[in-house]
C-alpha cells in the first residue's frame, strides 16, 4: 500500500471513529435529563472513558499514517472503530426508545 493511500484510509477510519464517539457523547448529553444517568453513561467515569476512547483513534492515525507497515497502528484503528460502533448505537437506541419514543428510524434494530 502506498503511503498516501495508507494515510487516507487511516484518516478516514480515525475520523469516523471520533465522529461516532462524539455523537454518542452528544446524545448522552442531550438525554441526560430524560434517561437515568447510569443508562446513558453521563457520569464522570463515563465521560472520562469516552475521552480516553477518543484518544485511541488519534494515536492509531499517527501510528498507521507514519508507519504503514507497522500492524499495531492498523489494529488500533480497528479497535477504535469498534469503540465507536459499540457506544453510538446504545445512545441512539436509548434516545429513540426512551427519551423520544418513535422519533428516529431503526430504533429496535440498534438495540
Protein backbone atom coordinates (compact mmCIF):
# COMPACT_ATOMS: atom_id res chain seq x y z
CA UNK A 1 0.00 0.00 0.00
CA UNK A 2 1.35 3.40 -0.89
CA UNK A 3 1.97 5.93 1.89
CA UNK A 4 -0.65 8.35 0.56
CA UNK A 5 -3.32 5.66 0.39
CA UNK A 6 -2.44 4.43 3.87
CA UNK A 7 -2.68 7.97 5.24
CA UNK A 8 -6.07 8.47 3.58
CA UNK A 9 -7.51 5.16 4.85
CA UNK A 10 -6.15 5.76 8.35
CA UNK A 11 -7.51 9.31 8.42
CA UNK A 12 -10.99 8.33 7.27
CA UNK A 13 -11.18 5.46 9.75
CA UNK A 14 -9.94 7.62 12.63
CA UNK A 15 -12.31 10.46 11.71
CA UNK A 16 -15.25 8.06 11.54
CA UNK A 17 -14.37 6.65 14.95
CA UNK A 18 -14.06 10.09 16.54
CA UNK A 19 -17.36 11.17 14.98
CA UNK A 20 -19.16 8.08 16.32
CA UNK A 21 -17.70 8.56 19.80
CA UNK A 22 -18.54 12.27 19.77
CA UNK A 23 -22.07 11.61 18.56
CA UNK A 24 -22.58 9.12 21.37
CA UNK A 25 -21.40 11.69 23.94
CA UNK A 26 -23.64 14.35 22.38
CA UNK A 27 -26.68 12.06 22.58
CA UNK A 28 -25.85 11.21 26.20
CA UNK A 29 -25.67 14.93 26.96
CA UNK A 30 -28.95 15.65 25.18
CA UNK A 31 -30.76 12.86 27.03
CA UNK A 32 -29.19 13.41 30.46
CA UNK A 33 -32.49 14.61 31.98
CA UNK A 34 -34.74 12.14 30.18
CA UNK A 35 -32.87 8.90 30.79
CA UNK A 36 -31.21 7.76 34.06
CA UNK A 37 -27.53 8.73 34.18
CA UNK A 38 -26.47 5.15 34.78
CA UNK A 39 -28.06 4.13 31.48
CA UNK A 40 -26.68 6.95 29.32
CA UNK A 41 -23.18 6.94 30.75
CA UNK A 42 -23.43 10.63 31.58
CA UNK A 43 -21.34 10.22 34.73
CA UNK A 44 -17.80 11.35 35.50
CA UNK A 45 -16.38 7.90 34.84
CA UNK A 46 -18.44 7.52 31.66
CA UNK A 47 -17.25 10.82 30.23
CA UNK A 48 -13.63 10.09 31.16
CA UNK A 49 -13.91 6.73 29.44
CA UNK A 50 -15.21 8.39 26.27
CA UNK A 51 -12.33 10.90 26.31
CA UNK A 52 -9.88 8.01 26.53
CA UNK A 53 -11.79 6.21 23.77
CA UNK A 54 -11.47 9.30 21.56
CA UNK A 55 -7.70 9.33 22.10
CA UNK A 56 -7.32 5.81 20.68
CA UNK A 57 -8.17 6.76 17.05
CA UNK A 58 -5.84 9.75 17.22
CA UNK A 59 -2.92 7.60 18.34
CA UNK A 60 -3.89 4.95 15.80
CA UNK A 61 -3.94 7.52 12.99
CA UNK A 62 -0.49 8.76 13.91
CA UNK A 63 0.91 5.21 14.02
CA UNK A 64 -0.77 3.98 10.84
CA UNK A 65 -0.08 7.07 8.74
CA UNK A 66 3.57 7.46 9.75
CA UNK A 67 4.47 3.76 9.65
CA UNK A 68 2.01 1.96 7.34
CA UNK A 69 3.99 -1.28 7.56
CA UNK A 70 3.53 -1.44 11.33
CA UNK A 71 0.49 -3.59 12.12
CA UNK A 72 -0.09 -2.13 15.57
CA UNK A 73 -1.44 1.13 14.15
CA UNK A 74 -3.90 -0.74 11.96
CA UNK A 75 -5.00 -2.90 14.88
CA UNK A 76 -5.56 0.25 16.92
CA UNK A 77 -7.67 1.65 14.07
CA UNK A 78 -9.85 -1.45 14.04
CA UNK A 79 -10.16 -1.24 17.83
CA UNK A 80 -11.09 2.44 17.66
CA UNK A 81 -13.75 1.70 15.07
CA UNK A 82 -15.07 -0.97 17.42
CA UNK A 83 -15.17 1.55 20.26
CA UNK A 84 -17.17 3.96 18.14
CA UNK A 85 -19.54 1.27 16.93
CA UNK A 86 -20.12 -0.05 20.44
CA UNK A 87 -21.05 3.27 22.06
CA UNK A 88 -23.09 5.14 19.48
CA UNK A 89 -25.81 2.54 18.78
CA UNK A 90 -26.54 2.26 22.50
CA UNK A 91 -27.08 6.01 22.85
CA UNK A 92 -29.11 6.11 19.63
CA UNK A 93 -31.38 3.31 20.83
CA UNK A 94 -31.84 4.95 24.25
CA UNK A 95 -32.84 8.20 22.59
CA UNK A 96 -35.16 6.55 20.08
CA UNK A 97 -36.84 4.19 22.58
CA UNK A 98 -36.78 6.01 25.94
CA UNK A 99 -36.17 9.74 25.54
CA UNK A 100 -38.30 10.32 22.44
CA UNK A 101 -40.11 7.09 21.53
CA UNK A 102 -40.67 6.59 17.84
CA UNK A 103 -38.79 9.73 16.82
CA UNK A 104 -35.94 8.09 14.90
CA UNK A 105 -35.92 5.13 12.49
CA UNK A 106 -34.31 1.74 13.14
CA UNK A 107 -34.56 2.05 16.91
CA UNK A 108 -35.18 -1.63 17.55
CA UNK A 109 -32.53 -2.71 15.05
CA UNK A 110 -29.83 -0.89 17.00
CA UNK A 111 -30.81 -2.41 20.33
